[in-house]
Amino acid sequence: CALDDMDRSANDFAVAGVADLAFHRAIAIATHNPYFSGFVDFLAHQ
């Protein structure tokens, strides 16, 4: 879904950036390690 959002929003840089962040966050969540996903989530927001 995040990749599809990036494709649809390629010309809206703010929205595409949010979708990009969502893709990397989804990978972090998929580790099923709350410490790991929390750190990656923190870094992504920065």
ModelCIF file with pLDDT and N, C-alpha, C, O atoms, coordinates in Angstrom:
data_MODEL
#
_entry.id   MODEL 
#
_entity.id                         1 
_entity.type                       polymer 
_entity.pdbx_number_of_molecules   1 
#
_entity_poly.entity_id                      1 
_entity_poly.type                           'polypeptide(L)' 
_entity_poly.nstd_linkage                   no 
_entity_poly.nstd_monomer                   no 
_entity_poly.pdbx_seq_one_letter_code       CALDDMDRSANDFAVAGVADLAFHRAIAIATHNPYFSGFVDFLAHQ 
_entity_poly.pdbx_seq_one_letter_code_can   CALDDMDRSANDFAVAGVADLAFHRAIAIATHNPYFSGFVDFLAHQ 
_entity_poly.pdbx_strand_id                 A 
#
loop_
_entity_poly_seq.entity_id 
_entity_poly_seq.num 
_entity_poly_seq.mon_id 
_entity_poly_seq.hetero 
1 1  CYS n 
1 2  ALA n 
1 3  LEU n 
1 4  ASP n 
1 5  ASP n 
1 6  MET n 
1 7  ASP n 
1 8  ARG n 
1 9  SER n 
1 10 ALA n 
1 11 ASN n 
1 12 ASP n 
1 13 PHE n 
1 14 ALA n 
1 15 VAL n 
1 16 ALA n 
1 17 GLY n 
1 18 VAL n 
1 19 ALA n 
1 20 ASP n 
1 21 LEU n 
1 22 ALA n 
1 23 PHE n 
1 24 HIS n 
1 25 ARG n 
1 26 ALA n 
1 27 ILE n 
1 28 ALA n 
1 29 ILE n 
1 30 ALA n 
1 31 THR n 
1 32 HIS n 
1 33 ASN n 
1 34 PRO n 
1 35 TYR n 
1 36 PHE n 
1 37 SER n 
1 38 GLY n 
1 39 PHE n 
1 40 VAL n 
1 41 ASP n 
1 42 PHE n 
1 43 LEU n 
1 44 ALA n 
1 45 HIS n 
1 46 GLN n 
#
_struct_asym.id          A 
_struct_asym.entity_id   1 
#
loop_
_ma_qa_metric.id 
_ma_qa_metric.mode 
_ma_qa_metric.name 
_ma_qa_metric.software_group_id 
_ma_qa_metric.type 
1 global pLDDT . pLDDT 
2 local  pLDDT . pLDDT 
#
_ma_qa_metric_global.metric_id      1 
_ma_qa_metric_global.metric_value   80.35 
_ma_qa_metric_global.model_id       1 
_ma_qa_metric_global.ordinal_id     1 
#
loop_
_ma_qa_metric_local.label_asym_id 
_ma_qa_metric_local.label_comp_id 
_ma_qa_metric_local.label_seq_id 
_ma_qa_metric_local.metric_id 
_ma_qa_metric_local.metric_value 
_ma_qa_metric_local.model_id 
_ma_qa_metric_local.ordinal_id 
A CYS 1  2 93.00 1 1  
A ALA 2  2 91.00 1 2  
A LEU 3  2 92.00 1 3  
A ASP 4  2 92.00 1 4  
A ASP 5  2 88.00 1 5  
A MET 6  2 85.00 1 6  
A ASP 7  2 86.00 1 7  
A ARG 8  2 86.00 1 8  
A SER 9  2 78.00 1 9  
A ALA 10 2 73.00 1 10 
A ASN 11 2 74.00 1 11 
A ASP 12 2 75.00 1 12 
A PHE 13 2 66.00 1 13 
A ALA 14 2 67.00 1 14 
A VAL 15 2 74.00 1 15 
A ALA 16 2 73.00 1 16 
A GLY 17 2 72.00 1 17 
A VAL 18 2 78.00 1 18 
A ALA 19 2 82.00 1 19 
A ASP 20 2 83.00 1 20 
A LEU 21 2 81.00 1 21 
A ALA 22 2 84.00 1 22 
A PHE 23 2 91.00 1 23 
A HIS 24 2 89.00 1 24 
A ARG 25 2 86.00 1 25 
A ALA 26 2 92.00 1 26 
A ILE 27 2 95.00 1 27 
A ALA 28 2 92.00 1 28 
A ILE 29 2 91.00 1 29 
A ALA 30 2 95.00 1 30 
A THR 31 2 95.00 1 31 
A HIS 32 2 93.00 1 32 
A ASN 33 2 91.00 1 33 
A PRO 34 2 82.00 1 34 
A TYR 35 2 78.00 1 35 
A PHE 36 2 76.00 1 36 
A SER 37 2 77.00 1 37 
A GLY 38 2 74.00 1 38 
A PHE 39 2 76.00 1 39 
A VAL 40 2 69.00 1 40 
A ASP 41 2 64.00 1 41 
A PHE 42 2 69.00 1 42 
A LEU 43 2 68.00 1 43 
A ALA 44 2 61.00 1 44 
A HIS 45 2 58.00 1 45 
A GLN 46 2 61.00 1 46 
#
loop_
_atom_site.group_PDB 
_atom_site.id 
_atom_site.type_symbol 
_atom_site.label_atom_id 
_atom_site.label_alt_id 
_atom_site.label_comp_id 
_atom_site.label_asym_id 
_atom_site.label_entity_id 
_atom_site.label_seq_id 
_atom_site.pdbx_PDB_ins_code 
_atom_site.Cartn_x 
_atom_site.Cartn_y 
_atom_site.Cartn_z 
_atom_site.occupancy 
_atom_site.B_iso_or_equiv 
_atom_site.pdbx_formal_charge 
_atom_site.auth_seq_id 
_atom_site.auth_comp_id 
_atom_site.auth_asym_id 
_atom_site.auth_atom_id 
_atom_site.pdbx_PDB_model_num 
ATOM 1   N N  . CYS A 1 1  ? 0.833  -1.211 0.000  1.00 93.00 ? 1  CYS A N  1 
ATOM 2   C CA . CYS A 1 1  ? 0.000  0.000  0.000  1.00 93.00 ? 1  CYS A CA 1 
ATOM 3   C C  . CYS A 1 1  ? 0.866  1.258  0.000  1.00 93.00 ? 1  CYS A C  1 
ATOM 4   O O  . CYS A 1 1  ? 0.557  2.229  -0.692 1.00 93.00 ? 1  CYS A O  1 
ATOM 5   N N  . ALA A 1 2  ? 1.945  1.240  0.773  1.00 91.00 ? 2  ALA A N  1 
ATOM 6   C CA . ALA A 1 2  ? 2.842  2.397  0.813  1.00 91.00 ? 2  ALA A CA 1 
ATOM 7   C C  . ALA A 1 2  ? 3.499  2.624  -0.547 1.00 91.00 ? 2  ALA A C  1 
ATOM 8   O O  . ALA A 1 2  ? 3.619  3.766  -0.992 1.00 91.00 ? 2  ALA A O  1 
ATOM 9   N N  . LEU A 1 3  ? 3.928  1.544  -1.214 1.00 92.00 ? 3  LEU A N  1 
ATOM 10  C CA . LEU A 1 3  ? 4.521  1.682  -2.549 1.00 92.00 ? 3  LEU A CA 1 
ATOM 11  C C  . LEU A 1 3  ? 3.501  2.236  -3.538 1.00 92.00 ? 3  LEU A C  1 
ATOM 12  O O  . LEU A 1 3  ? 3.831  3.088  -4.363 1.00 92.00 ? 3  LEU A O  1 
ATOM 13  N N  . ASP A 1 4  ? 2.269  1.757  -3.456 1.00 92.00 ? 4  ASP A N  1 
ATOM 14  C CA . ASP A 1 4  ? 1.225  2.269  -4.340 1.00 92.00 ? 4  ASP A CA 1 
ATOM 15  C C  . ASP A 1 4  ? 0.976  3.753  -4.080 1.00 92.00 ? 4  ASP A C  1 
ATOM 16  O O  . ASP A 1 4  ? 0.781  4.524  -5.019 1.00 92.00 ? 4  ASP A O  1 
ATOM 17  N N  . ASP A 1 5  ? 0.983  4.150  -2.814 1.00 88.00 ? 5  ASP A N  1 
ATOM 18  C CA . ASP A 1 5  ? 0.794  5.563  -2.472 1.00 88.00 ? 5  ASP A CA 1 
ATOM 19  C C  . ASP A 1 5  ? 1.925  6.417  -3.037 1.00 88.00 ? 5  ASP A C  1 
ATOM 20  O O  . ASP A 1 5  ? 1.688  7.533  -3.499 1.00 88.00 ? 5  ASP A O  1 
ATOM 21  N N  . MET A 1 6  ? 3.152  5.900  -3.003 1.00 85.00 ? 6  MET A N  1 
ATOM 22  C CA . MET A 1 6  ? 4.282  6.635  -3.581 1.00 85.00 ? 6  MET A CA 1 
ATOM 23  C C  . MET A 1 6  ? 4.099  6.816  -5.083 1.00 85.00 ? 6  MET A C  1 
ATOM 24  O O  . MET A 1 6  ? 4.363  7.890  -5.623 1.00 85.00 ? 6  MET A O  1 
ATOM 25  N N  . ASP A 1 7  ? 3.646  5.761  -5.752 1.00 86.00 ? 7  ASP A N  1 
ATOM 26  C CA . ASP A 1 7  ? 3.418  5.846  -7.196 1.00 86.00 ? 7  ASP A CA 1 
ATOM 27  C C  . ASP A 1 7  ? 2.358  6.899  -7.523 1.00 86.00 ? 7  ASP A C  1 
ATOM 28  O O  . ASP A 1 7  ? 2.524  7.699  -8.443 1.00 86.00 ? 7  ASP A O  1 
ATOM 29  N N  . ARG A 1 8  ? 1.266  6.885  -6.752 1.00 86.00 ? 8  ARG A N  1 
ATOM 30  C CA . ARG A 1 8  ? 0.166  7.813  -7.021 1.00 86.00 ? 8  ARG A CA 1 
ATOM 31  C C  . ARG A 1 8  ? 0.514  9.257  -6.690 1.00 86.00 ? 8  ARG A C  1 
ATOM 32  O O  . ARG A 1 8  ? -0.049 10.182 -7.274 1.00 86.00 ? 8  ARG A O  1 
ATOM 33  N N  . SER A 1 9  ? 1.444  9.454  -5.752 1.00 78.00 ? 9  SER A N  1 
ATOM 34  C CA . SER A 1 9  ? 1.740  10.799 -5.251 1.00 78.00 ? 9  SER A CA 1 
ATOM 35  C C  . SER A 1 9  ? 3.100  11.314 -5.696 1.00 78.00 ? 9  SER A C  1 
ATOM 36  O O  . SER A 1 9  ? 3.664  12.207 -5.063 1.00 78.00 ? 9  SER A O  1 
ATOM 37  N N  . ALA A 1 10 ? 3.630  10.757 -6.780 1.00 73.00 ? 10 ALA A N  1 
ATOM 38  C CA . ALA A 1 10 ? 4.998  11.098 -7.193 1.00 73.00 ? 10 ALA A CA 1 
ATOM 39  C C  . ALA A 1 10 ? 5.207  12.583 -7.415 1.00 73.00 ? 10 ALA A C  1 
ATOM 40  O O  . ALA A 1 10 ? 6.324  13.074 -7.255 1.00 73.00 ? 10 ALA A O  1 
ATOM 41  N N  . ASN A 1 11 ? 4.152  13.317 -7.783 1.00 74.00 ? 11 ASN A N  1 
ATOM 42  C CA . ASN A 1 11 ? 4.288  14.752 -8.047 1.00 74.00 ? 11 ASN A CA 1 
ATOM 43  C C  . ASN A 1 11 ? 3.875  15.619 -6.864 1.00 74.00 ? 11 ASN A C  1 
ATOM 44  O O  . ASN A 1 11 ? 3.954  16.845 -6.942 1.00 74.00 ? 11 ASN A O  1 
ATOM 45  N N  . ASP A 1 12 ? 3.442  15.010 -5.788 1.00 75.00 ? 12 ASP A N  1 
ATOM 46  C CA . ASP A 1 12 ? 3.116  15.737 -4.553 1.00 75.00 ? 12 ASP A CA 1 
ATOM 47  C C  . ASP A 1 12 ? 4.166  15.327 -3.533 1.00 75.00 ? 12 ASP A C  1 
ATOM 48  O O  . ASP A 1 12 ? 4.018  14.321 -2.839 1.00 75.00 ? 12 ASP A O  1 
ATOM 49  N N  . PHE A 1 13 ? 5.232  16.124 -3.451 1.00 66.00 ? 13 PHE A N  1 
ATOM 50  C CA . PHE A 1 13 ? 6.420  15.693 -2.730 1.00 66.00 ? 13 PHE A CA 1 
ATOM 51  C C  . PHE A 1 13 ? 6.166  15.471 -1.237 1.00 66.00 ? 13 PHE A C  1 
ATOM 52  O O  . PHE A 1 13 ? 6.729  14.550 -0.645 1.00 66.00 ? 13 PHE A O  1 
ATOM 53  N N  . ALA A 1 14 ? 5.324  16.305 -0.628 1.00 67.00 ? 14 ALA A N  1 
ATOM 54  C CA . ALA A 1 14 ? 5.042  16.138 0.796  1.00 67.00 ? 14 ALA A CA 1 
ATOM 55  C C  . ALA A 1 14 ? 4.316  14.826 1.053  1.00 67.00 ? 14 ALA A C  1 
ATOM 56  O O  . ALA A 1 14 ? 4.664  14.091 1.978  1.00 67.00 ? 14 ALA A O  1 
ATOM 57  N N  . VAL A 1 15 ? 3.303  14.528 0.234  1.00 74.00 ? 15 VAL A N  1 
ATOM 58  C CA . VAL A 1 15 ? 2.543  13.283 0.414  1.00 74.00 ? 15 VAL A CA 1 
ATOM 59  C C  . VAL A 1 15 ? 3.403  12.072 0.071  1.00 74.00 ? 15 VAL A C  1 
ATOM 60  O O  . VAL A 1 15 ? 3.344  11.053 0.760  1.00 74.00 ? 15 VAL A O  1 
ATOM 61  N N  . ALA A 1 16 ? 4.200  12.177 -0.987 1.00 73.00 ? 16 ALA A N  1 
ATOM 62  C CA . ALA A 1 16 ? 5.084  11.070 -1.364 1.00 73.00 ? 16 ALA A CA 1 
ATOM 63  C C  . ALA A 1 16 ? 6.098  10.791 -0.255 1.00 73.00 ? 16 ALA A C  1 
ATOM 64  O O  . ALA A 1 16 ? 6.421  9.636  0.021  1.00 73.00 ? 16 ALA A O  1 
ATOM 65  N N  . GLY A 1 17 ? 6.593  11.847 0.374  1.00 72.00 ? 17 GLY A N  1 
ATOM 66  C CA . GLY A 1 17 ? 7.533  11.660 1.478  1.00 72.00 ? 17 GLY A CA 1 
ATOM 67  C C  . GLY A 1 17 ? 6.904  10.919 2.641  1.00 72.00 ? 17 GLY A C  1 
ATOM 68  O O  . GLY A 1 17 ? 7.546  10.083 3.276  1.00 72.00 ? 17 GLY A O  1 
ATOM 69  N N  . VAL A 1 18 ? 5.633  11.232 2.920  1.00 78.00 ? 18 VAL A N  1 
ATOM 70  C CA . VAL A 1 18 ? 4.916  10.520 3.983  1.00 78.00 ? 18 VAL A CA 1 
ATOM 71  C C  . VAL A 1 18 ? 4.765  9.044  3.625  1.00 78.00 ? 18 VAL A C  1 
ATOM 72  O O  . VAL A 1 18 ? 4.935  8.174  4.480  1.00 78.00 ? 18 VAL A O  1 
ATOM 73  N N  . ALA A 1 19 ? 4.443  8.762  2.358  1.00 82.00 ? 19 ALA A N  1 
ATOM 74  C CA . ALA A 1 19 ? 4.291  7.372  1.916  1.00 82.00 ? 19 ALA A CA 1 
ATOM 75  C C  . ALA A 1 19 ? 5.629  6.628  1.960  1.00 82.00 ? 19 ALA A C  1 
ATOM 76  O O  . ALA A 1 19 ? 5.681  5.449  2.309  1.00 82.00 ? 19 ALA A O  1 
ATOM 77  N N  . ASP A 1 20 ? 6.703  7.327  1.604  1.00 83.00 ? 20 ASP A N  1 
ATOM 78  C CA . ASP A 1 20 ? 8.042  6.750  1.679  1.00 83.00 ? 20 ASP A CA 1 
ATOM 79  C C  . ASP A 1 20 ? 8.354  6.341  3.116  1.00 83.00 ? 20 ASP A C  1 
ATOM 80  O O  . ASP A 1 20 ? 8.838  5.239  3.375  1.00 83.00 ? 20 ASP A O  1 
ATOM 81  N N  . LEU A 1 21 ? 8.066  7.248  4.038  1.00 81.00 ? 21 LEU A N  1 
ATOM 82  C CA . LEU A 1 21 ? 8.271  6.953  5.449  1.00 81.00 ? 21 LEU A CA 1 
ATOM 83  C C  . LEU A 1 21 ? 7.428  5.749  5.868  1.00 81.00 ? 21 LEU A C  1 
ATOM 84  O O  . LEU A 1 21 ? 7.892  4.896  6.625  1.00 81.00 ? 21 LEU A O  1 
ATOM 85  N N  . ALA A 1 22 ? 6.187  5.681  5.373  1.00 84.00 ? 22 ALA A N  1 
ATOM 86  C CA . ALA A 1 22 ? 5.288  4.582  5.736  1.00 84.00 ? 22 ALA A CA 1 
ATOM 87  C C  . ALA A 1 22 ? 5.834  3.234  5.262  1.00 84.00 ? 22 ALA A C  1 
ATOM 88  O O  . ALA A 1 22 ? 5.672  2.222  5.944  1.00 84.00 ? 22 ALA A O  1 
ATOM 89  N N  . PHE A 1 23 ? 6.479  3.220  4.097  1.00 91.00 ? 23 PHE A N  1 
ATOM 90  C CA . PHE A 1 23 ? 7.062  1.975  3.593  1.00 91.00 ? 23 PHE A CA 1 
ATOM 91  C C  . PHE A 1 23 ? 8.155  1.468  4.526  1.00 91.00 ? 23 PHE A C  1 
ATOM 92  O O  . PHE A 1 23 ? 8.170  0.294  4.895  1.00 91.00 ? 23 PHE A O  1 
ATOM 93  N N  . HIS A 1 24 ? 9.067  2.356  4.903  1.00 89.00 ? 24 HIS A N  1 
ATOM 94  C CA . HIS A 1 24 ? 10.167 1.942  5.773  1.00 89.00 ? 24 HIS A CA 1 
ATOM 95  C C  . HIS A 1 24 ? 9.669  1.615  7.176  1.00 89.00 ? 24 HIS A C  1 
ATOM 96  O O  . HIS A 1 24 ? 10.232 0.748  7.845  1.00 89.00 ? 24 HIS A O  1 
ATOM 97  N N  . ARG A 1 25 ? 8.626  2.296  7.627  1.00 86.00 ? 25 ARG A N  1 
ATOM 98  C CA . ARG A 1 25 ? 8.040  1.972  8.924  1.00 86.00 ? 25 ARG A CA 1 
ATOM 99  C C  . ARG A 1 25 ? 7.398  0.583  8.879  1.00 86.00 ? 25 ARG A C  1 
ATOM 100 O O  . ARG A 1 25 ? 7.504  -0.190 9.831  1.00 86.00 ? 25 ARG A O  1 
ATOM 101 N N  . ALA A 1 26 ? 6.731  0.276  7.759  1.00 92.00 ? 26 ALA A N  1 
ATOM 102 C CA . ALA A 1 26 ? 6.093  -1.038 7.637  1.00 92.00 ? 26 ALA A CA 1 
ATOM 103 C C  . ALA A 1 26 ? 7.128  -2.156 7.719  1.00 92.00 ? 26 ALA A C  1 
ATOM 104 O O  . ALA A 1 26 ? 6.865  -3.212 8.293  1.00 92.00 ? 26 ALA A O  1 
ATOM 105 N N  . ILE A 1 27 ? 8.304  -1.919 7.142  1.00 95.00 ? 27 ILE A N  1 
ATOM 106 C CA . ILE A 1 27 ? 9.382  -2.917 7.243  1.00 95.00 ? 27 ILE A CA 1 
ATOM 107 C C  . ILE A 1 27 ? 9.816  -3.063 8.702  1.00 95.00 ? 27 ILE A C  1 
ATOM 108 O O  . ILE A 1 27 ? 10.010 -4.178 9.187  1.00 95.00 ? 27 ILE A O  1 
ATOM 109 N N  . ALA A 1 28 ? 9.966  -1.940 9.396  1.00 92.00 ? 28 ALA A N  1 
ATOM 110 C CA . ALA A 1 28 ? 10.374 -1.994 10.805 1.00 92.00 ? 28 ALA A CA 1 
ATOM 111 C C  . ALA A 1 28 ? 9.336  -2.728 11.647 1.00 92.00 ? 28 ALA A C  1 
ATOM 112 O O  . ALA A 1 28 ? 9.690  -3.539 12.502 1.00 92.00 ? 28 ALA A O  1 
ATOM 113 N N  . ILE A 1 29 ? 8.062  -2.448 11.410 1.00 91.00 ? 29 ILE A N  1 
ATOM 114 C CA . ILE A 1 29 ? 6.999  -3.121 12.157 1.00 91.00 ? 29 ILE A CA 1 
ATOM 115 C C  . ILE A 1 29 ? 7.027  -4.624 11.877 1.00 91.00 ? 29 ILE A C  1 
ATOM 116 O O  . ILE A 1 29 ? 6.739  -5.431 12.762 1.00 91.00 ? 29 ILE A O  1 
ATOM 117 N N  . ALA A 1 30 ? 7.375  -4.995 10.645 1.00 95.00 ? 30 ALA A N  1 
ATOM 118 C CA . ALA A 1 30 ? 7.407  -6.405 10.258 1.00 95.00 ? 30 ALA A CA 1 
ATOM 119 C C  . ALA A 1 30 ? 8.504  -7.187 10.971 1.00 95.00 ? 30 ALA A C  1 
ATOM 120 O O  . ALA A 1 30 ? 8.508  -8.417 10.914 1.00 95.00 ? 30 ALA A O  1 
ATOM 121 N N  . THR A 1 31 ? 9.432  -6.511 11.638 1.00 95.00 ? 31 THR A N  1 
ATOM 122 C CA . THR A 1 31 ? 10.422 -7.231 12.446 1.00 95.00 ? 31 THR A CA 1 
ATOM 123 C C  . THR A 1 31 ? 9.776  -7.844 13.682 1.00 95.00 ? 31 THR A C  1 
ATOM 124 O O  . THR A 1 31 ? 10.296 -8.806 14.249 1.00 95.00 ? 31 THR A O  1 
ATOM 125 N N  . HIS A 1 32 ? 8.641  -7.285 14.098 1.00 93.00 ? 32 HIS A N  1 
ATOM 126 C CA . HIS A 1 32 ? 7.937  -7.727 15.311 1.00 93.00 ? 32 HIS A CA 1 
ATOM 127 C C  . HIS A 1 32 ? 8.835  -7.665 16.539 1.00 93.00 ? 32 HIS A C  1 
ATOM 128 O O  . HIS A 1 32 ? 8.746  -8.484 17.454 1.00 93.00 ? 32 HIS A O  1 
ATOM 129 N N  . ASN A 1 33 ? 9.694  -6.670 16.519 1.00 91.00 ? 33 ASN A N  1 
ATOM 130 C CA . ASN A 1 33 ? 10.544 -6.331 17.662 1.00 91.00 ? 33 ASN A CA 1 
ATOM 131 C C  . ASN A 1 33 ? 10.181 -4.901 18.048 1.00 91.00 ? 33 ASN A C  1 
ATOM 132 O O  . ASN A 1 33 ? 10.569 -3.971 17.341 1.00 91.00 ? 33 ASN A O  1 
ATOM 133 N N  . PRO A 1 34 ? 9.457  -4.693 19.136 1.00 82.00 ? 34 PRO A N  1 
ATOM 134 C CA . PRO A 1 34 ? 8.986  -3.343 19.457 1.00 82.00 ? 34 PRO A CA 1 
ATOM 135 C C  . PRO A 1 34 ? 10.105 -2.338 19.693 1.00 82.00 ? 34 PRO A C  1 
ATOM 136 O O  . PRO A 1 34 ? 9.938  -1.153 19.403 1.00 82.00 ? 34 PRO A O  1 
ATOM 137 N N  . TYR A 1 35 ? 11.245 -2.791 20.214 1.00 78.00 ? 35 TYR A N  1 
ATOM 138 C CA . TYR A 1 35 ? 12.365 -1.871 20.401 1.00 78.00 ? 35 TYR A CA 1 
ATOM 139 C C  . TYR A 1 35 ? 12.932 -1.456 19.050 1.00 78.00 ? 35 TYR A C  1 
ATOM 140 O O  . TYR A 1 35 ? 13.238 -0.287 18.818 1.00 78.00 ? 35 TYR A O  1 
ATOM 141 N N  . PHE A 1 36 ? 13.062 -2.428 18.174 1.00 76.00 ? 36 PHE A N  1 
ATOM 142 C CA . PHE A 1 36 ? 13.621 -2.143 16.854 1.00 76.00 ? 36 PHE A CA 1 
ATOM 143 C C  . PHE A 1 36 ? 12.698 -1.209 16.082 1.00 76.00 ? 36 PHE A C  1 
ATOM 144 O O  . PHE A 1 36 ? 13.142 -0.199 15.536 1.00 76.00 ? 36 PHE A O  1 
ATOM 145 N N  . SER A 1 37 ? 11.412 -1.550 16.039 1.00 77.00 ? 37 SER A N  1 
ATOM 146 C CA . SER A 1 37 ? 10.488 -0.719 15.273 1.00 77.00 ? 37 SER A CA 1 
ATOM 147 C C  . SER A 1 37 ? 10.366 0.666  15.894 1.00 77.00 ? 37 SER A C  1 
ATOM 148 O O  . SER A 1 37 ? 10.197 1.648  15.172 1.00 77.00 ? 37 SER A O  1 
ATOM 149 N N  . GLY A 1 38 ? 10.448 0.763  17.217 1.00 74.00 ? 38 GLY A N  1 
ATOM 150 C CA . GLY A 1 38 ? 10.395 2.080  17.866 1.00 74.00 ? 38 GLY A CA 1 
ATOM 151 C C  . GLY A 1 38 ? 11.563 2.956  17.472 1.00 74.00 ? 38 GLY A C  1 
ATOM 152 O O  . GLY A 1 38 ? 11.391 4.151  17.232 1.00 74.00 ? 38 GLY A O  1 
ATOM 153 N N  . PHE A 1 39 ? 12.756 2.371  17.401 1.00 76.00 ? 39 PHE A N  1 
ATOM 154 C CA . PHE A 1 39 ? 13.929 3.155  17.008 1.00 76.00 ? 39 PHE A CA 1 
ATOM 155 C C  . PHE A 1 39 ? 13.842 3.603  15.562 1.00 76.00 ? 39 PHE A C  1 
ATOM 156 O O  . PHE A 1 39 ? 14.107 4.763  15.245 1.00 76.00 ? 39 PHE A O  1 
ATOM 157 N N  . VAL A 1 40 ? 13.464 2.670  14.674 1.00 69.00 ? 40 VAL A N  1 
ATOM 158 C CA . VAL A 1 40 ? 13.354 3.031  13.262 1.00 69.00 ? 40 VAL A CA 1 
ATOM 159 C C  . VAL A 1 40 ? 12.247 4.062  13.063 1.00 69.00 ? 40 VAL A C  1 
ATOM 160 O O  . VAL A 1 40 ? 12.376 4.961  12.231 1.00 69.00 ? 40 VAL A O  1 
ATOM 161 N N  . ASP A 1 41 ? 11.163 3.935  13.821 1.00 64.00 ? 41 ASP A N  1 
ATOM 162 C CA . ASP A 1 41 ? 10.079 4.910  13.745 1.00 64.00 ? 41 ASP A CA 1 
ATOM 163 C C  . ASP A 1 41 ? 10.578 6.287  14.165 1.00 64.00 ? 41 ASP A C  1 
ATOM 164 O O  . ASP A 1 41 ? 10.284 7.285  13.508 1.00 64.00 ? 41 ASP A O  1 
ATOM 165 N N  . PHE A 1 42 ? 11.333 6.341  15.258 1.00 69.00 ? 42 PHE A N  1 
ATOM 166 C CA . PHE A 1 42 ? 11.910 7.607  15.711 1.00 69.00 ? 42 PHE A CA 1 
ATOM 167 C C  . PHE A 1 42 ? 12.802 8.214  14.635 1.00 69.00 ? 42 PHE A C  1 
ATOM 168 O O  . PHE A 1 42 ? 12.692 9.400  14.324 1.00 69.00 ? 42 PHE A O  1 
ATOM 169 N N  . LEU A 1 43 ? 13.678 7.402  14.073 1.00 68.00 ? 43 LEU A N  1 
ATOM 170 C CA . LEU A 1 43 ? 14.609 7.906  13.067 1.00 68.00 ? 43 LEU A CA 1 
ATOM 171 C C  . LEU A 1 43 ? 13.865 8.408  11.839 1.00 68.00 ? 43 LEU A C  1 
ATOM 172 O O  . LEU A 1 43 ? 14.217 9.441  11.269 1.00 68.00 ? 43 LEU A O  1 
ATOM 173 N N  . ALA A 1 44 ? 12.835 7.674  11.434 1.00 61.00 ? 44 ALA A N  1 
ATOM 174 C CA . ALA A 1 44 ? 12.082 8.059  10.247 1.00 61.00 ? 44 ALA A CA 1 
ATOM 175 C C  . ALA A 1 44 ? 11.445 9.426  10.419 1.00 61.00 ? 44 ALA A C  1 
ATOM 176 O O  . ALA A 1 44 ? 11.431 10.223 9.481  1.00 61.00 ? 44 ALA A O  1 
ATOM 177 N N  . HIS A 1 45 ? 10.921 9.709  11.598 1.00 58.00 ? 45 HIS A N  1 
ATOM 178 C CA . HIS A 1 45 ? 10.293 11.007 11.824 1.00 58.00 ? 45 HIS A CA 1 
ATOM 179 C C  . HIS A 1 45 ? 11.298 12.138 11.675 1.00 58.00 ? 45 HIS A C  1 
ATOM 180 O O  . HIS A 1 45 ? 10.945 13.215 11.193 1.00 58.00 ? 45 HIS A O  1 
ATOM 181 N N  . GLN A 1 46 ? 12.526 11.919 12.075 1.00 61.00 ? 46 GLN A N  1 
ATOM 182 C CA . GLN A 1 46 ? 13.538 12.948 11.948 1.00 61.00 ? 46 GLN A CA 1 
ATOM 183 C C  . GLN A 1 46 ? 13.888 13.208 10.483 1.00 61.00 ? 46 GLN A C  1 
ATOM 184 O O  . GLN A 1 46 ? 14.732 14.055 10.190 1.00 61.00 ? 46 GLN A O  1 
#
